[in-house]
Amino acid sequence: MNKGISLANLGYIQEALRYFDKAIELNPNLAQAWYNKGLALFSLGKINESLSCVNSALRINPKYENAGKLKEKCVEQA
């Protein structure tokens, strides 16, 4: 997941998504991986897909503040 975060920070969003997917495959209960995937998708304008990921993160950790903020942005954009 850390490699995905680094790639996303460098602007390599598609590559980052592959690493977030791998992290989710290895541990589907990793809220941070779902959030990071949602954030990457949001940056690509894929709002509905982003919202789905953020909702997964919030199901795992309802108190995940950053995920809650991203959900609000998704709802505003939808």
PDB file of N, CA and C in Angstrom:
ATOM      1  N   MET A   1       0.822  -1.183   0.000  1.00  0.00           N
ATOM      2  CA  MET A   1       0.000   0.000   0.000  1.00  0.00           C
ATOM      3  C   MET A   1       0.869   1.251   0.000  1.00  0.00           C
ATOM      4  N   ASN A   2       1.995   1.213   0.705  1.00  0.00           N
ATOM      5  CA  ASN A   2       2.862   2.391   0.754  1.00  0.00           C
ATOM      6  C   ASN A   2       3.407   2.752  -0.620  1.00  0.00           C
ATOM      7  N   LYS A   3       3.689   1.738  -1.418  1.00  0.00           N
ATOM      8  CA  LYS A   3       4.154   2.021  -2.777  1.00  0.00           C
ATOM      9  C   LYS A   3       3.047   2.710  -3.578  1.00  0.00           C
ATOM     10  N   GLY A   4       1.814   2.281  -3.383  1.00  0.00           N
ATOM     11  CA  GLY A   4       0.673   2.922  -4.038  1.00  0.00           C
ATOM     12  C   GLY A   4       0.540   4.371  -3.634  1.00  0.00           C
ATOM     13  N   ILE A   5       0.713   4.651  -2.357  1.00  0.00           N
ATOM     14  CA  ILE A   5       0.637   6.033  -1.874  1.00  0.00           C
ATOM     15  C   ILE A   5       1.730   6.874  -2.516  1.00  0.00           C
ATOM     16  N   SER A   6       2.937   6.330  -2.569  1.00  0.00           N
ATOM     17  CA  SER A   6       4.055   7.062  -3.187  1.00  0.00           C
ATOM     18  C   SER A   6       3.782   7.340  -4.659  1.00  0.00           C
ATOM     19  N   LEU A   7       3.301   6.333  -5.372  1.00  0.00           N
ATOM     20  CA  LEU A   7       2.993   6.513  -6.793  1.00  0.00           C
ATOM     21  C   LEU A   7       1.893   7.555  -6.987  1.00  0.00           C
ATOM     22  N   ALA A   8       0.870   7.506  -6.149  1.00  0.00           N
ATOM     23  CA  ALA A   8      -0.219   8.485  -6.256  1.00  0.00           C
ATOM     24  C   ALA A   8       0.307   9.894  -6.003  1.00  0.00           C
ATOM     25  N   ASN A   9       1.175  10.034  -5.019  1.00  0.00           N
ATOM     26  CA  ASN A   9       1.749  11.349  -4.717  1.00  0.00           C
ATOM     27  C   ASN A   9       2.591  11.886  -5.871  1.00  0.00           C
ATOM     28  N   LEU A  10       3.135  10.985  -6.654  1.00  0.00           N
ATOM     29  CA  LEU A  10       3.930  11.385  -7.826  1.00  0.00           C
ATOM     30  C   LEU A  10       3.070  11.573  -9.070  1.00  0.00           C
ATOM     31  N   GLY A  11       1.769  11.298  -8.941  1.00  0.00           N
ATOM     32  CA  GLY A  11       0.856  11.496 -10.061  1.00  0.00           C
ATOM     33  C   GLY A  11       0.617  10.262 -10.907  1.00  0.00           C
ATOM     34  N   TYR A  12       1.142   9.122 -10.490  1.00  0.00           N
ATOM     35  CA  TYR A  12       0.962   7.875 -11.235  1.00  0.00           C
ATOM     36  C   TYR A  12      -0.252   7.127 -10.669  1.00  0.00           C
ATOM     37  N   ILE A  13      -1.421   7.675 -10.936  1.00  0.00           N
ATOM     38  CA  ILE A  13      -2.643   7.196 -10.305  1.00  0.00           C
ATOM     39  C   ILE A  13      -3.015   5.781 -10.744  1.00  0.00           C
ATOM     40  N   GLN A  14      -2.960   5.510 -12.037  1.00  0.00           N
ATOM     41  CA  GLN A  14      -3.326   4.166 -12.517  1.00  0.00           C
ATOM     42  C   GLN A  14      -2.422   3.098 -11.897  1.00  0.00           C
ATOM     43  N   GLU A  15      -1.134   3.377 -11.823  1.00  0.00           N
ATOM     44  CA  GLU A  15      -0.207   2.422 -11.217  1.00  0.00           C
ATOM     45  C   GLU A  15      -0.504   2.265  -9.735  1.00  0.00           C
ATOM     46  N   ALA A  16      -0.812   3.366  -9.074  1.00  0.00           N
ATOM     47  CA  ALA A  16      -1.134   3.330  -7.644  1.00  0.00           C
ATOM     48  C   ALA A  16      -2.350   2.459  -7.391  1.00  0.00           C
ATOM     49  N   LEU A  17      -3.340   2.556  -8.266  1.00  0.00           N
ATOM     50  CA  LEU A  17      -4.558   1.755  -8.089  1.00  0.00           C
ATOM     51  C   LEU A  17      -4.252   0.265  -8.062  1.00  0.00           C
ATOM     52  N   ARG A  18      -3.288  -0.172  -8.852  1.00  0.00           N
ATOM     53  CA  ARG A  18      -2.918  -1.597  -8.851  1.00  0.00           C
ATOM     54  C   ARG A  18      -2.401  -2.023  -7.472  1.00  0.00           C
ATOM     55  N   TYR A  19      -1.628  -1.158  -6.835  1.00  0.00           N
ATOM     56  CA  TYR A  19      -1.093  -1.487  -5.516  1.00  0.00           C
ATOM     57  C   TYR A  19      -2.183  -1.449  -4.443  1.00  0.00           C
ATOM     58  N   PHE A  20      -3.108  -0.521  -4.560  1.00  0.00           N
ATOM     59  CA  PHE A  20      -4.220  -0.493  -3.608  1.00  0.00           C
ATOM     60  C   PHE A  20      -5.085  -1.735  -3.769  1.00  0.00           C
ATOM     61  N   ASP A  21      -5.316  -2.142  -5.014  1.00  0.00           N
ATOM     62  CA  ASP A  21      -6.084  -3.368  -5.263  1.00  0.00           C
ATOM     63  C   ASP A  21      -5.384  -4.578  -4.660  1.00  0.00           C
ATOM     64  N   LYS A  22      -4.075  -4.636  -4.790  1.00  0.00           N
ATOM     65  CA  LYS A  22      -3.308  -5.753  -4.237  1.00  0.00           C
ATOM     66  C   LYS A  22      -3.409  -5.756  -2.710  1.00  0.00           C
ATOM     67  N   ALA A  23      -3.316  -4.581  -2.100  1.00  0.00           N
ATOM     68  CA  ALA A  23      -3.437  -4.486  -0.646  1.00  0.00           C
ATOM     69  C   ALA A  23      -4.818  -4.963  -0.198  1.00  0.00           C
ATOM     70  N   ILE A  24      -5.854  -4.584  -0.941  1.00  0.00           N
ATOM     71  CA  ILE A  24      -7.216  -5.002  -0.610  1.00  0.00           C
ATOM     72  C   ILE A  24      -7.375  -6.509  -0.808  1.00  0.00           C
ATOM     73  N   GLU A  25      -6.746  -7.035  -1.847  1.00  0.00           N
ATOM     74  CA  GLU A  25      -6.789  -8.479  -2.089  1.00  0.00           C
ATOM     75  C   GLU A  25      -6.156  -9.230  -0.919  1.00  0.00           C
ATOM     76  N   LEU A  26      -5.042  -8.720  -0.426  1.00  0.00           N
ATOM     77  CA  LEU A  26      -4.340  -9.375   0.681  1.00  0.00           C
ATOM     78  C   LEU A  26      -5.075  -9.196   2.013  1.00  0.00           C
ATOM     79  N   ASN A  27      -5.720  -8.045   2.182  1.00  0.00           N
ATOM     80  CA  ASN A  27      -6.444  -7.777   3.420  1.00  0.00           C
ATOM     81  C   ASN A  27      -7.659  -6.906   3.117  1.00  0.00           C
ATOM     82  N   PRO A  28      -8.800  -7.533   2.838  1.00  0.00           N
ATOM     83  CA  PRO A  28      -9.998  -6.765   2.478  1.00  0.00           C
ATOM     84  C   PRO A  28     -10.536  -5.895   3.617  1.00  0.00           C
ATOM     85  N   ASN A  29     -10.016  -6.075   4.817  1.00  0.00           N
ATOM     86  CA  ASN A  29     -10.467  -5.287   5.965  1.00  0.00           C
ATOM     87  C   ASN A  29      -9.517  -4.138   6.292  1.00  0.00           C
ATOM     88  N   LEU A  30      -8.695  -3.765   5.338  1.00  0.00           N
ATOM     89  CA  LEU A  30      -7.752  -2.666   5.533  1.00  0.00           C
ATOM     90  C   LEU A  30      -8.411  -1.369   5.058  1.00  0.00           C
ATOM     91  N   ALA A  31      -8.988  -0.654   5.993  1.00  0.00           N
ATOM     92  CA  ALA A  31      -9.746   0.561   5.661  1.00  0.00           C
ATOM     93  C   ALA A  31      -8.891   1.580   4.921  1.00  0.00           C
ATOM     94  N   GLN A  32      -7.625   1.693   5.289  1.00  0.00           N
ATOM     95  CA  GLN A  32      -6.762   2.682   4.649  1.00  0.00           C
ATOM     96  C   GLN A  32      -6.570   2.376   3.165  1.00  0.00           C
ATOM     97  N   ALA A  33      -6.504   1.110   2.809  1.00  0.00           N
ATOM     98  CA  ALA A  33      -6.358   0.752   1.392  1.00  0.00           C
ATOM     99  C   ALA A  33      -7.610   1.143   0.615  1.00  0.00           C
ATOM    100  N   TRP A  34      -8.778   0.896   1.199  1.00  0.00           N
ATOM    101  CA  TRP A  34     -10.030   1.295   0.550  1.00  0.00           C
ATOM    102  C   TRP A  34     -10.091   2.809   0.397  1.00  0.00           C
ATOM    103  N   TYR A  35      -9.702   3.521   1.446  1.00  0.00           N
ATOM    104  CA  TYR A  35      -9.710   4.989   1.392  1.00  0.00           C
ATOM    105  C   TYR A  35      -8.765   5.497   0.306  1.00  0.00           C
ATOM    106  N   ASN A  36      -7.545   4.966   0.286  1.00  0.00           N
ATOM    107  CA  ASN A  36      -6.568   5.425  -0.709  1.00  0.00           C
ATOM    108  C   ASN A  36      -7.021   5.124  -2.133  1.00  0.00           C
ATOM    109  N   LYS A  37      -7.641   3.972  -2.322  1.00  0.00           N
ATOM    110  CA  LYS A  37      -8.186   3.661  -3.642  1.00  0.00           C
ATOM    111  C   LYS A  37      -9.291   4.660  -3.991  1.00  0.00           C
ATOM    112  N   GLY A  38     -10.143   4.953  -3.031  1.00  0.00           N
ATOM    113  CA  GLY A  38     -11.206   5.932  -3.252  1.00  0.00           C
ATOM    114  C   GLY A  38     -10.661   7.308  -3.581  1.00  0.00           C
ATOM    115  N   LEU A  39      -9.608   7.705  -2.890  1.00  0.00           N
ATOM    116  CA  LEU A  39      -8.985   9.004  -3.140  1.00  0.00           C
ATOM    117  C   LEU A  39      -8.388   9.054  -4.548  1.00  0.00           C
ATOM    118  N   ALA A  40      -7.734   7.976  -4.951  1.00  0.00           N
ATOM    119  CA  ALA A  40      -7.158   7.914  -6.293  1.00  0.00           C
ATOM    120  C   ALA A  40      -8.249   7.989  -7.359  1.00  0.00           C
ATOM    121  N   LEU A  41      -9.314   7.245  -7.160  1.00  0.00           N
ATOM    122  CA  LEU A  41     -10.426   7.271  -8.118  1.00  0.00           C
ATOM    123  C   LEU A  41     -11.073   8.650  -8.174  1.00  0.00           C
ATOM    124  N   PHE A  42     -11.192   9.298  -7.024  1.00  0.00           N
ATOM    125  CA  PHE A  42     -11.759  10.644  -6.982  1.00  0.00           C
ATOM    126  C   PHE A  42     -10.909  11.596  -7.817  1.00  0.00           C
ATOM    127  N   SER A  43      -9.596  11.450  -7.716  1.00  0.00           N
ATOM    128  CA  SER A  43      -8.706  12.337  -8.474  1.00  0.00           C
ATOM    129  C   SER A  43      -8.831  12.113  -9.978  1.00  0.00           C
ATOM    130  N   LEU A  44      -9.315  10.927 -10.366  1.00  0.00           N
ATOM    131  CA  LEU A  44      -9.541  10.625 -11.786  1.00  0.00           C
ATOM    132  C   LEU A  44     -10.945  11.017 -12.239  1.00  0.00           C
ATOM    133  N   GLY A  45     -11.737  11.545 -11.309  1.00  0.00           N
ATOM    134  CA  GLY A  45     -13.106  11.933 -11.641  1.00  0.00           C
ATOM    135  C   GLY A  45     -14.093  10.784 -11.625  1.00  0.00           C
ATOM    136  N   LYS A  46     -13.694   9.662 -11.093  1.00  0.00           N
ATOM    137  CA  LYS A  46     -14.570   8.486 -11.011  1.00  0.00           C
ATOM    138  C   LYS A  46     -15.289   8.515  -9.659  1.00  0.00           C
ATOM    139  N   ILE A  47     -16.253   9.401  -9.568  1.00  0.00           N
ATOM    140  CA  ILE A  47     -16.896   9.721  -8.294  1.00  0.00           C
ATOM    141  C   ILE A  47     -17.673   8.536  -7.727  1.00  0.00           C
ATOM    142  N   ASN A  48     -18.465   7.864  -8.531  1.00  0.00           N
ATOM    143  CA  ASN A  48     -19.268   6.743  -8.022  1.00  0.00           C
ATOM    144  C   ASN A  48     -18.385   5.604  -7.531  1.00  0.00           C
ATOM    145  N   GLU A  49     -17.315   5.310  -8.264  1.00  0.00           N
ATOM    146  CA  GLU A  49     -16.390   4.265  -7.833  1.00  0.00           C
ATOM    147  C   GLU A  49     -15.676   4.684  -6.555  1.00  0.00           C
ATOM    148  N   SER A  50     -15.318   5.951  -6.475  1.00  0.00           N
ATOM    149  CA  SER A  50     -14.679   6.479  -5.282  1.00  0.00           C
ATOM    150  C   SER A  50     -15.596   6.335  -4.072  1.00  0.00           C
ATOM    151  N   LEU A  51     -16.845   6.702  -4.245  1.00  0.00           N
ATOM    152  CA  LEU A  51     -17.817   6.622  -3.161  1.00  0.00           C
ATOM    153  C   LEU A  51     -17.977   5.187  -2.673  1.00  0.00           C
ATOM    154  N   SER A  52     -17.980   4.250  -3.582  1.00  0.00           N
ATOM    155  CA  SER A  52     -18.084   2.843  -3.211  1.00  0.00           C
ATOM    156  C   SER A  52     -16.905   2.419  -2.327  1.00  0.00           C
ATOM    157  N   CYS A  53     -15.706   2.837  -2.699  1.00  0.00           N
ATOM    158  CA  CYS A  53     -14.512   2.507  -1.915  1.00  0.00           C
ATOM    159  C   CYS A  53     -14.546   3.169  -0.545  1.00  0.00           C
ATOM    160  N   VAL A  54     -14.945   4.425  -0.527  1.00  0.00           N
ATOM    161  CA  VAL A  54     -15.025   5.157   0.740  1.00  0.00           C
ATOM    162  C   VAL A  54     -16.051   4.510   1.662  1.00  0.00           C
ATOM    163  N   ASN A  55     -17.168   4.085   1.104  1.00  0.00           N
ATOM    164  CA  ASN A  55     -18.171   3.397   1.913  1.00  0.00           C
ATOM    165  C   ASN A  55     -17.617   2.103   2.498  1.00  0.00           C
ATOM    166  N   SER A  56     -16.785   1.404   1.732  1.00  0.00           N
ATOM    167  CA  SER A  56     -16.144   0.191   2.252  1.00  0.00           C
ATOM    168  C   SER A  56     -15.221   0.536   3.414  1.00  0.00           C
ATOM    169  N   ALA A  57     -14.444   1.596   3.264  1.00  0.00           N
ATOM    170  CA  ALA A  57     -13.556   2.030   4.343  1.00  0.00           C
ATOM    171  C   ALA A  57     -14.348   2.376   5.595  1.00  0.00           C
ATOM    172  N   LEU A  58     -15.469   3.053   5.414  1.00  0.00           N
ATOM    173  CA  LEU A  58     -16.285   3.461   6.566  1.00  0.00           C
ATOM    174  C   LEU A  58     -17.034   2.287   7.201  1.00  0.00           C
ATOM    175  N   ARG A  59     -17.342   1.248   6.429  1.00  0.00           N
ATOM    176  CA  ARG A  59     -17.943   0.043   7.020  1.00  0.00           C
ATOM    177  C   ARG A  59     -16.930  -0.630   7.954  1.00  0.00           C
ATOM    178  N   ILE A  60     -15.674  -0.609   7.540  1.00  0.00           N
ATOM    179  CA  ILE A  60     -14.616  -1.222   8.340  1.00  0.00           C
ATOM    180  C   ILE A  60     -14.307  -0.367   9.562  1.00  0.00           C
ATOM    181  N   ASN A  61     -14.218   0.932   9.344  1.00  0.00           N
ATOM    182  CA  ASN A  61     -13.888   1.863  10.424  1.00  0.00           C
ATOM    183  C   ASN A  61     -14.791   3.088  10.330  1.00  0.00           C
ATOM    184  N   PRO A  62     -15.941   3.045  10.998  1.00  0.00           N
ATOM    185  CA  PRO A  62     -16.901   4.148  10.907  1.00  0.00           C
ATOM    186  C   PRO A  62     -16.362   5.495  11.394  1.00  0.00           C
ATOM    187  N   LYS A  63     -15.277   5.484  12.152  1.00  0.00           N
ATOM    188  CA  LYS A  63     -14.714   6.731  12.689  1.00  0.00           C
ATOM    189  C   LYS A  63     -13.544   7.252  11.850  1.00  0.00           C
ATOM    190  N   TYR A  64     -13.359   6.703  10.660  1.00  0.00           N
ATOM    191  CA  TYR A  64     -12.251   7.101   9.784  1.00  0.00           C
ATOM    192  C   TYR A  64     -12.549   8.501   9.244  1.00  0.00           C
ATOM    193  N   GLU A  65     -11.957   9.502   9.871  1.00  0.00           N
ATOM    194  CA  GLU A  65     -12.277  10.898   9.586  1.00  0.00           C
ATOM    195  C   GLU A  65     -12.008  11.290   8.133  1.00  0.00           C
ATOM    196  N   ASN A  66     -10.854  10.927   7.601  1.00  0.00           N
ATOM    197  CA  ASN A  66     -10.531  11.287   6.214  1.00  0.00           C
ATOM    198  C   ASN A  66     -11.503  10.652   5.222  1.00  0.00           C
ATOM    199  N   ALA A  67     -11.906   9.427   5.508  1.00  0.00           N
ATOM    200  CA  ALA A  67     -12.880   8.759   4.638  1.00  0.00           C
ATOM    201  C   ALA A  67     -14.217   9.485   4.690  1.00  0.00           C
ATOM    202  N   GLY A  68     -14.598   9.934   5.863  1.00  0.00           N
ATOM    203  CA  GLY A  68     -15.837  10.688   5.995  1.00  0.00           C
ATOM    204  C   GLY A  68     -15.806  11.980   5.199  1.00  0.00           C
ATOM    205  N   LYS A  69     -14.669  12.655   5.231  1.00  0.00           N
ATOM    206  CA  LYS A  69     -14.528  13.902   4.469  1.00  0.00           C
ATOM    207  C   LYS A  69     -14.570  13.637   2.970  1.00  0.00           C
ATOM    208  N   LEU A  70     -13.921  12.561   2.534  1.00  0.00           N
ATOM    209  CA  LEU A  70     -13.942  12.229   1.112  1.00  0.00           C
ATOM    210  C   LEU A  70     -15.356  11.841   0.675  1.00  0.00           C
ATOM    211  N   LYS A  71     -16.089  11.161   1.553  1.00  0.00           N
ATOM    212  CA  LYS A  71     -17.475  10.807   1.221  1.00  0.00           C
ATOM    213  C   LYS A  71     -18.294  12.064   0.981  1.00  0.00           C
ATOM    214  N   GLU A  72     -18.097  13.070   1.831  1.00  0.00           N
ATOM    215  CA  GLU A  72     -18.821  14.333   1.648  1.00  0.00           C
ATOM    216  C   GLU A  72     -18.507  14.954   0.294  1.00  0.00           C
ATOM    217  N   LYS A  73     -17.220  14.929  -0.100  1.00  0.00           N
ATOM    218  CA  LYS A  73     -16.825  15.480  -1.405  1.00  0.00           C
ATOM    219  C   LYS A  73     -17.477  14.700  -2.533  1.00  0.00           C
ATOM    220  N   CYS A  74     -17.508  13.381  -2.400  1.00  0.00           N
ATOM    221  CA  CYS A  74     -18.133  12.547  -3.432  1.00  0.00           C
ATOM    222  C   CYS A  74     -19.607  12.866  -3.577  1.00  0.00           C
ATOM    223  N   VAL A  75     -20.281  13.002  -2.471  1.00  0.00           N
ATOM    224  CA  VAL A  75     -21.715  13.289  -2.507  1.00  0.00           C
ATOM    225  C   VAL A  75     -21.962  14.657  -3.146  1.00  0.00           C
ATOM    226  N   GLU A  76     -21.104  15.628  -2.838  1.00  0.00           N
ATOM    227  CA  GLU A  76     -21.239  16.952  -3.452  1.00  0.00           C
ATOM    228  C   GLU A  76     -21.049  16.889  -4.970  1.00  0.00           C
ATOM    229  N   GLN A  77     -20.135  16.052  -5.428  1.00  0.00           N
ATOM    230  CA  GLN A  77     -19.816  15.946  -6.857  1.00  0.00           C
ATOM    231  C   GLN A  77     -20.835  15.114  -7.631  1.00  0.00           C
ATOM    232  N   ALA A  78     -21.495  14.190  -6.926  1.00  0.00           N
ATOM    233  CA  ALA A  78     -22.408  13.260  -7.610  1.00  0.00           C
ATOM    234  C   ALA A  78     -23.656  13.954  -8.121  1.00  0.00           C
TER     235      ALA A  78
END
